[in-house]
């Protein structure tokens, strides 16, 4: 079984982003509450959404790169078959 190193690295980065989000979100909420002096809903609740958007961006870039690689390989093979 061949391991795709690029995909493995991307999955590790995504896992780190998820873990960081799980740790940072409650800390940000506690900090914002302490600074305000009262309970409120602010931008600190958008941290999970930001993490999700980053993960989706990474996935989109990876998939676009894979499609480009397949298209380039397909073009090379097509030219060789014509000869």
PDB file of N, CA and C in Angstrom:
ATOM      1  N   UNK A   1       0.842  -1.182   0.000  1.00  0.00           N
ATOM      2  CA  UNK A   1       0.000   0.000   0.000  1.00  0.00           C
ATOM      3  C   UNK A   1       0.885   1.243   0.000  1.00  0.00           C
ATOM      4  N   UNK A   2       0.648   2.104  -0.960  1.00  0.00           N
ATOM      5  CA  UNK A   2       1.431   3.325  -1.078  1.00  0.00           C
ATOM      6  C   UNK A   2       0.803   4.432  -0.229  1.00  0.00           C
ATOM      7  N   UNK A   3       1.636   5.110   0.554  1.00  0.00           N
ATOM      8  CA  UNK A   3       1.159   6.201   1.407  1.00  0.00           C
ATOM      9  C   UNK A   3       1.384   7.509   0.673  1.00  0.00           C
ATOM     10  N   UNK A   4       0.324   8.289   0.541  1.00  0.00           N
ATOM     11  CA  UNK A   4       0.406   9.600  -0.087  1.00  0.00           C
ATOM     12  C   UNK A   4       0.877  10.599   0.974  1.00  0.00           C
ATOM     13  N   UNK A   5       2.152  10.971   0.927  1.00  0.00           N
ATOM     14  CA  UNK A   5       2.737  11.831   1.961  1.00  0.00           C
ATOM     15  C   UNK A   5       2.089  13.205   1.990  1.00  0.00           C
ATOM     16  N   UNK A   6       1.778  13.747   0.828  1.00  0.00           N
ATOM     17  CA  UNK A   6       1.165  15.073   0.760  1.00  0.00           C
ATOM     18  C   UNK A   6      -0.195  15.076   1.464  1.00  0.00           C
ATOM     19  N   UNK A   7      -0.984  14.050   1.195  1.00  0.00           N
ATOM     20  CA  UNK A   7      -2.310  13.951   1.807  1.00  0.00           C
ATOM     21  C   UNK A   7      -2.195  13.731   3.318  1.00  0.00           C
ATOM     22  N   UNK A   8      -1.204  12.944   3.737  1.00  0.00           N
ATOM     23  CA  UNK A   8      -0.980  12.697   5.158  1.00  0.00           C
ATOM     24  C   UNK A   8      -0.622  14.000   5.879  1.00  0.00           C
ATOM     25  N   UNK A   9       0.241  14.797   5.282  1.00  0.00           N
ATOM     26  CA  UNK A   9       0.629  16.076   5.890  1.00  0.00           C
ATOM     27  C   UNK A   9      -0.575  17.001   5.997  1.00  0.00           C
ATOM     28  N   UNK A  10      -1.400  17.034   4.969  1.00  0.00           N
ATOM     29  CA  UNK A  10      -2.600  17.882   5.000  1.00  0.00           C
ATOM     30  C   UNK A  10      -3.545  17.435   6.103  1.00  0.00           C
ATOM     31  N   UNK A  11      -3.722  16.121   6.253  1.00  0.00           N
ATOM     32  CA  UNK A  11      -4.604  15.615   7.320  1.00  0.00           C
ATOM     33  C   UNK A  11      -4.046  15.961   8.704  1.00  0.00           C
ATOM     34  N   UNK A  12      -2.738  15.902   8.870  1.00  0.00           N
ATOM     35  CA  UNK A  12      -2.126  16.262  10.153  1.00  0.00           C
ATOM     36  C   UNK A  12      -2.338  17.743  10.443  1.00  0.00           C
ATOM     37  N   UNK A  13      -2.163  18.593   9.429  1.00  0.00           N
ATOM     38  CA  UNK A  13      -2.387  20.030   9.612  1.00  0.00           C
ATOM     39  C   UNK A  13      -3.840  20.287  10.001  1.00  0.00           C
ATOM     40  N   UNK A  14      -4.767  19.609   9.343  1.00  0.00           N
ATOM     41  CA  UNK A  14      -6.181  19.776   9.676  1.00  0.00           C
ATOM     42  C   UNK A  14      -6.474  19.324  11.105  1.00  0.00           C
ATOM     43  N   UNK A  15      -5.867  18.233  11.526  1.00  0.00           N
ATOM     44  CA  UNK A  15      -6.045  17.755  12.894  1.00  0.00           C
ATOM     45  C   UNK A  15      -5.518  18.770  13.906  1.00  0.00           C
ATOM     46  N   UNK A  16      -4.367  19.371  13.608  1.00  0.00           N
ATOM     47  CA  UNK A  16      -3.802  20.398  14.491  1.00  0.00           C
ATOM     48  C   UNK A  16      -4.745  21.604  14.573  1.00  0.00           C
ATOM     49  N   UNK A  17      -5.320  21.997  13.442  1.00  0.00           N
ATOM     50  CA  UNK A  17      -6.269  23.115  13.442  1.00  0.00           C
ATOM     51  C   UNK A  17      -7.483  22.788  14.305  1.00  0.00           C
ATOM     52  N   UNK A  18      -8.003  21.581  14.203  1.00  0.00           N
ATOM     53  CA  UNK A  18      -9.170  21.182  14.999  1.00  0.00           C
ATOM     54  C   UNK A  18      -8.830  21.175  16.487  1.00  0.00           C
ATOM     55  N   UNK A  19      -7.689  20.614  16.843  1.00  0.00           N
ATOM     56  CA  UNK A  19      -7.284  20.573  18.255  1.00  0.00           C
ATOM     57  C   UNK A  19      -7.074  21.986  18.791  1.00  0.00           C
ATOM     58  N   UNK A  20      -6.413  22.837  18.007  1.00  0.00           N
ATOM     59  CA  UNK A  20      -6.198  24.226  18.433  1.00  0.00           C
ATOM     60  C   UNK A  20      -7.529  24.945  18.629  1.00  0.00           C
ATOM     61  N   UNK A  21      -8.486  24.682  17.758  1.00  0.00           N
ATOM     62  CA  UNK A  21      -9.807  25.306  17.885  1.00  0.00           C
ATOM     63  C   UNK A  21     -10.508  24.844  19.150  1.00  0.00           C
ATOM     64  N   UNK A  22     -10.418  23.548  19.433  1.00  0.00           N
ATOM     65  CA  UNK A  22     -11.054  23.007  20.637  1.00  0.00           C
ATOM     66  C   UNK A  22     -10.440  23.620  21.894  1.00  0.00           C
ATOM     67  N   UNK A  23      -9.148  23.876  21.869  1.00  0.00           N
ATOM     68  CA  UNK A  23      -8.471  24.458  23.034  1.00  0.00           C
ATOM     69  C   UNK A  23      -8.694  25.965  23.120  1.00  0.00           C
ATOM     70  N   UNK A  24      -8.576  26.665  21.995  1.00  0.00           N
ATOM     71  CA  UNK A  24      -8.611  28.127  22.021  1.00  0.00           C
ATOM     72  C   UNK A  24     -10.002  28.730  22.199  1.00  0.00           C
ATOM     73  N   UNK A  25     -11.027  28.077  21.688  1.00  0.00           N
ATOM     74  CA  UNK A  25     -12.366  28.664  21.763  1.00  0.00           C
ATOM     75  C   UNK A  25     -12.833  28.891  23.207  1.00  0.00           C
ATOM     76  N   UNK A  26     -12.787  27.894  24.086  1.00  0.00           N
ATOM     77  CA  UNK A  26     -13.202  28.162  25.475  1.00  0.00           C
ATOM     78  C   UNK A  26     -12.312  29.207  26.167  1.00  0.00           C
ATOM     79  N   UNK A  27     -11.018  29.180  25.843  1.00  0.00           N
ATOM     80  CA  UNK A  27     -10.117  30.173  26.437  1.00  0.00           C
ATOM     81  C   UNK A  27     -10.490  31.583  25.977  1.00  0.00           C
ATOM     82  N   UNK A  28     -10.806  31.733  24.698  1.00  0.00           N
ATOM     83  CA  UNK A  28     -11.186  33.039  24.161  1.00  0.00           C
ATOM     84  C   UNK A  28     -12.503  33.523  24.770  1.00  0.00           C
ATOM     85  N   UNK A  29     -13.425  32.603  24.968  1.00  0.00           N
ATOM     86  CA  UNK A  29     -14.714  32.979  25.568  1.00  0.00           C
ATOM     87  C   UNK A  29     -14.509  33.446  27.007  1.00  0.00           C
ATOM     88  N   UNK A  30     -13.711  32.723  27.775  1.00  0.00           N
ATOM     89  CA  UNK A  30     -13.438  33.128  29.168  1.00  0.00           C
ATOM     90  C   UNK A  30     -12.725  34.468  29.217  1.00  0.00           C
ATOM     91  N   UNK A  31     -11.745  34.654  28.320  1.00  0.00           N
ATOM     92  CA  UNK A  31     -10.988  35.907  28.297  1.00  0.00           C
ATOM     93  C   UNK A  31     -11.895  37.086  27.935  1.00  0.00           C
ATOM     94  N   UNK A  32     -12.716  36.916  26.896  1.00  0.00           N
ATOM     95  CA  UNK A  32     -13.605  37.997  26.482  1.00  0.00           C
ATOM     96  C   UNK A  32     -14.616  38.342  27.574  1.00  0.00           C
ATOM     97  N   UNK A  33     -15.112  37.338  28.271  1.00  0.00           N
ATOM     98  CA  UNK A  33     -16.044  37.579  29.370  1.00  0.00           C
ATOM     99  C   UNK A  33     -15.355  38.341  30.500  1.00  0.00           C
ATOM    100  N   UNK A  34     -14.118  37.976  30.798  1.00  0.00           N
ATOM    101  CA  UNK A  34     -13.372  38.667  31.850  1.00  0.00           C
ATOM    102  C   UNK A  34     -13.085  40.114  31.471  1.00  0.00           C
ATOM    103  N   UNK A  35     -12.748  40.360  30.236  1.00  0.00           N
ATOM    104  CA  UNK A  35     -12.448  41.722  29.793  1.00  0.00           C
ATOM    105  C   UNK A  35     -13.703  42.570  29.790  1.00  0.00           C
ATOM    106  N   UNK A  36     -14.815  42.011  29.311  1.00  0.00           N
ATOM    107  CA  UNK A  36     -16.067  42.765  29.270  1.00  0.00           C
ATOM    108  C   UNK A  36     -16.641  42.983  30.664  1.00  0.00           C
ATOM    109  N   UNK A  37     -16.507  41.974  31.492  1.00  0.00           N
ATOM    110  CA  UNK A  37     -17.089  42.049  32.826  1.00  0.00           C
ATOM    111  C   UNK A  37     -18.518  41.523  32.881  1.00  0.00           C
ATOM    112  N   UNK A  38     -19.012  41.034  31.789  1.00  0.00           N
ATOM    113  CA  UNK A  38     -20.361  40.456  31.751  1.00  0.00           C
ATOM    114  C   UNK A  38     -20.421  39.442  30.609  1.00  0.00           C
ATOM    115  N   UNK A  39     -21.447  38.563  30.670  1.00  0.00           N
ATOM    116  CA  UNK A  39     -21.606  37.555  29.618  1.00  0.00           C
ATOM    117  C   UNK A  39     -22.217  38.188  28.370  1.00  0.00           C
ATOM    118  N   UNK A  40     -21.614  37.893  27.237  1.00  0.00           N
ATOM    119  CA  UNK A  40     -22.133  38.368  25.952  1.00  0.00           C
ATOM    120  C   UNK A  40     -21.611  37.443  24.856  1.00  0.00           C
ATOM    121  N   UNK A  41     -22.206  37.569  23.703  1.00  0.00           N
ATOM    122  CA  UNK A  41     -21.769  36.793  22.547  1.00  0.00           C
ATOM    123  C   UNK A  41     -21.047  37.742  21.604  1.00  0.00           C
ATOM    124  N   UNK A  42     -19.804  37.390  21.293  1.00  0.00           N
ATOM    125  CA  UNK A  42     -19.010  38.235  20.409  1.00  0.00           C
ATOM    126  C   UNK A  42     -18.274  37.407  19.375  1.00  0.00           C
ATOM    127  N   UNK A  43     -17.232  37.989  18.841  1.00  0.00           N
ATOM    128  CA  UNK A  43     -16.463  37.361  17.783  1.00  0.00           C
ATOM    129  C   UNK A  43     -15.739  36.096  18.197  1.00  0.00           C
ATOM    130  N   UNK A  44     -15.555  35.908  19.493  1.00  0.00           N
ATOM    131  CA  UNK A  44     -14.873  34.696  19.959  1.00  0.00           C
ATOM    132  C   UNK A  44     -15.644  33.433  19.601  1.00  0.00           C
ATOM    133  N   UNK A  45     -16.933  33.564  19.362  1.00  0.00           N
ATOM    134  CA  UNK A  45     -17.738  32.406  18.977  1.00  0.00           C
ATOM    135  C   UNK A  45     -17.567  32.066  17.493  1.00  0.00           C
ATOM    136  N   UNK A  46     -16.871  32.899  16.751  1.00  0.00           N
ATOM    137  CA  UNK A  46     -16.629  32.643  15.338  1.00  0.00           C
ATOM    138  C   UNK A  46     -15.334  31.869  15.087  1.00  0.00           C
ATOM    139  N   UNK A  47     -14.572  31.591  16.130  1.00  0.00           N
ATOM    140  CA  UNK A  47     -13.304  30.856  15.967  1.00  0.00           C
ATOM    141  C   UNK A  47     -13.524  29.486  15.324  1.00  0.00           C
ATOM    142  N   UNK A  48     -14.521  28.692  15.735  1.00  0.00           N
ATOM    143  CA  UNK A  48     -14.742  27.405  15.045  1.00  0.00           C
ATOM    144  C   UNK A  48     -15.096  27.577  13.563  1.00  0.00           C
ATOM    145  N   UNK A  49     -15.852  28.620  13.254  1.00  0.00           N
ATOM    146  CA  UNK A  49     -16.193  28.879  11.862  1.00  0.00           C
ATOM    147  C   UNK A  49     -14.934  29.224  11.057  1.00  0.00           C
ATOM    148  N   UNK A  50     -14.065  30.016  11.633  1.00  0.00           N
ATOM    149  CA  UNK A  50     -12.810  30.364  10.973  1.00  0.00           C
ATOM    150  C   UNK A  50     -11.957  29.112  10.731  1.00  0.00           C
ATOM    151  N   UNK A  51     -11.898  28.238  11.717  1.00  0.00           N
ATOM    152  CA  UNK A  51     -11.141  26.985  11.560  1.00  0.00           C
ATOM    153  C   UNK A  51     -11.742  26.135  10.448  1.00  0.00           C
ATOM    154  N   UNK A  52     -13.061  26.066  10.403  1.00  0.00           N
ATOM    155  CA  UNK A  52     -13.731  25.304   9.344  1.00  0.00           C
ATOM    156  C   UNK A  52     -13.410  25.878   7.966  1.00  0.00           C
ATOM    157  N   UNK A  53     -13.428  27.207   7.847  1.00  0.00           N
ATOM    158  CA  UNK A  53     -13.113  27.839   6.568  1.00  0.00           C
ATOM    159  C   UNK A  53     -11.669  27.575   6.150  1.00  0.00           C
ATOM    160  N   UNK A  54     -10.748  27.585   7.101  1.00  0.00           N
ATOM    161  CA  UNK A  54      -9.340  27.298   6.796  1.00  0.00           C
ATOM    162  C   UNK A  54      -9.191  25.862   6.297  1.00  0.00           C
ATOM    163  N   UNK A  55      -9.854  24.929   6.968  1.00  0.00           N
ATOM    164  CA  UNK A  55      -9.792  23.527   6.552  1.00  0.00           C
ATOM    165  C   UNK A  55     -10.378  23.348   5.152  1.00  0.00           C
ATOM    166  N   UNK A  56     -11.497  24.003   4.871  1.00  0.00           N
ATOM    167  CA  UNK A  56     -12.103  23.898   3.545  1.00  0.00           C
ATOM    168  C   UNK A  56     -11.195  24.506   2.475  1.00  0.00           C
ATOM    169  N   UNK A  57     -10.511  25.588   2.798  1.00  0.00           N
ATOM    170  CA  UNK A  57      -9.576  26.207   1.865  1.00  0.00           C
ATOM    171  C   UNK A  57      -8.412  25.268   1.565  1.00  0.00           C
ATOM    172  N   UNK A  58      -7.863  24.653   2.605  1.00  0.00           N
ATOM    173  CA  UNK A  58      -6.769  23.692   2.420  1.00  0.00           C
ATOM    174  C   UNK A  58      -7.227  22.532   1.538  1.00  0.00           C
ATOM    175  N   UNK A  59      -8.418  22.006   1.795  1.00  0.00           N
ATOM    176  CA  UNK A  59      -8.951  20.902   0.992  1.00  0.00           C
ATOM    177  C   UNK A  59      -9.144  21.314  -0.468  1.00  0.00           C
ATOM    178  N   UNK A  60      -9.661  22.511  -0.687  1.00  0.00           N
ATOM    179  CA  UNK A  60      -9.885  22.987  -2.053  1.00  0.00           C
ATOM    180  C   UNK A  60      -8.573  23.127  -2.814  1.00  0.00           C
ATOM    181  N   UNK A  61      -7.563  23.674  -2.156  1.00  0.00           N
ATOM    182  CA  UNK A  61      -6.253  23.824  -2.793  1.00  0.00           C
ATOM    183  C   UNK A  61      -5.659  22.455  -3.110  1.00  0.00           C
ATOM    184  N   UNK A  62      -5.767  21.524  -2.179  1.00  0.00           N
ATOM    185  CA  UNK A  62      -5.240  20.173  -2.404  1.00  0.00           C
ATOM    186  C   UNK A  62      -5.942  19.507  -3.585  1.00  0.00           C
ATOM    187  N   UNK A  63      -7.272  19.569  -3.611  1.00  0.00           N
ATOM    188  CA  UNK A  63      -8.022  18.930  -4.683  1.00  0.00           C
ATOM    189  C   UNK A  63      -7.720  19.571  -6.029  1.00  0.00           C
ATOM    190  N   UNK A  64      -7.581  20.899  -6.060  1.00  0.00           N
ATOM    191  CA  UNK A  64      -7.253  21.577  -7.316  1.00  0.00           C
ATOM    192  C   UNK A  64      -5.873  21.136  -7.815  1.00  0.00           C
ATOM    193  N   UNK A  65      -4.936  20.982  -6.896  1.00  0.00           N
ATOM    194  CA  UNK A  65      -3.602  20.515  -7.269  1.00  0.00           C
ATOM    195  C   UNK A  65      -3.627  19.104  -7.817  1.00  0.00           C
ATOM    196  N   UNK A  66      -4.430  18.245  -7.200  1.00  0.00           N
ATOM    197  CA  UNK A  66      -4.550  16.862  -7.674  1.00  0.00           C
ATOM    198  C   UNK A  66      -5.197  16.814  -9.060  1.00  0.00           C
ATOM    199  N   UNK A  67      -6.220  17.630  -9.275  1.00  0.00           N
ATOM    200  CA  UNK A  67      -6.876  17.658 -10.584  1.00  0.00           C
ATOM    201  C   UNK A  67      -5.927  18.189 -11.651  1.00  0.00           C
ATOM    202  N   UNK A  68      -5.142  19.193 -11.305  1.00  0.00           N
ATOM    203  CA  UNK A  68      -4.169  19.744 -12.243  1.00  0.00           C
ATOM    204  C   UNK A  68      -3.110  18.701 -12.594  1.00  0.00           C
ATOM    205  N   UNK A  69      -2.670  17.962 -11.575  1.00  0.00           N
ATOM    206  CA  UNK A  69      -1.672  16.910 -11.804  1.00  0.00           C
ATOM    207  C   UNK A  69      -2.231  15.834 -12.734  1.00  0.00           C
ATOM    208  N   UNK A  70      -3.485  15.430 -12.504  1.00  0.00           N
ATOM    209  CA  UNK A  70      -4.108  14.406 -13.354  1.00  0.00           C
ATOM    210  C   UNK A  70      -4.284  14.918 -14.779  1.00  0.00           C
ATOM    211  N   UNK A  71      -4.651  16.186 -14.922  1.00  0.00           N
ATOM    212  CA  UNK A  71      -4.832  16.757 -16.255  1.00  0.00           C
ATOM    213  C   UNK A  71      -3.505  16.819 -17.001  1.00  0.00           C
ATOM    214  N   UNK A  72      -2.436  17.173 -16.308  1.00  0.00           N
ATOM    215  CA  UNK A  72      -1.126  17.232 -16.937  1.00  0.00           C
ATOM    216  C   UNK A  72      -0.638  15.839 -17.312  1.00  0.00           C
ATOM    217  N   UNK A  73      -0.865  14.870 -16.462  1.00  0.00           N
ATOM    218  CA  UNK A  73      -0.462  13.496 -16.766  1.00  0.00           C
ATOM    219  C   UNK A  73      -1.287  12.947 -17.920  1.00  0.00           C
ATOM    220  N   UNK A  74      -2.558  13.282 -17.949  1.00  0.00           N
ATOM    221  CA  UNK A  74      -3.416  12.832 -19.043  1.00  0.00           C
ATOM    222  C   UNK A  74      -2.964  13.428 -20.361  1.00  0.00           C
ATOM    223  N   UNK A  75      -2.562  14.680 -20.361  1.00  0.00           N
ATOM    224  CA  UNK A  75      -2.079  15.329 -21.572  1.00  0.00           C
ATOM    225  C   UNK A  75      -0.798  14.719 -22.071  1.00  0.00           C
ATOM    226  N   UNK A  76       0.091  14.361 -21.163  1.00  0.00           N
ATOM    227  CA  UNK A  76       1.366  13.733 -21.549  1.00  0.00           C
ATOM    228  C   UNK A  76       1.125  12.363 -22.155  1.00  0.00           C
ATOM    229  N   UNK A  77       0.228  11.591 -21.549  1.00  0.00           N
ATOM    230  CA  UNK A  77      -0.039  10.245 -22.056  1.00  0.00           C
ATOM    231  C   UNK A  77      -0.744  10.318 -23.410  1.00  0.00           C
ATOM    232  N   UNK A  78      -1.616  11.309 -23.553  1.00  0.00           N
ATOM    233  CA  UNK A  78      -2.325  11.464 -24.822  1.00  0.00           C
ATOM    234  C   UNK A  78      -1.383  11.765 -25.965  1.00  0.00           C
ATOM    235  N   UNK A  79      -0.363  12.570 -25.732  1.00  0.00           N
ATOM    236  CA  UNK A  79       0.589  12.916 -26.778  1.00  0.00           C
ATOM    237  C   UNK A  79       1.444  11.691 -27.148  1.00  0.00           C
ATOM    238  N   UNK A  80       1.780  10.876 -26.185  1.00  0.00           N
ATOM    239  CA  UNK A  80       2.594   9.695 -26.456  1.00  0.00           C
ATOM    240  C   UNK A  80       1.840   8.663 -27.279  1.00  0.00           C
ATOM    241  N   UNK A  81       0.542   8.561 -27.080  1.00  0.00           N
ATOM    242  CA  UNK A  81      -0.236   7.572 -27.819  1.00  0.00           C
ATOM    243  C   UNK A  81      -0.419   7.968 -29.275  1.00  0.00           C
ATOM    244  N   UNK A  82      -0.354   9.229 -29.596  1.00  0.00           N
ATOM    245  CA  UNK A  82      -0.547   9.687 -30.966  1.00  0.00           C
ATOM    246  C   UNK A  82       0.662   9.389 -31.835  1.00  0.00           C
ATOM    247  N   UNK A  83       1.816   9.261 -31.252  1.00  0.00           N
ATOM    248  CA  UNK A  83       3.040   9.042 -32.030  1.00  0.00           C
ATOM    249  C   UNK A  83       3.104   7.694 -32.629  1.00  0.00           C
TER     250      UNK A  83
END
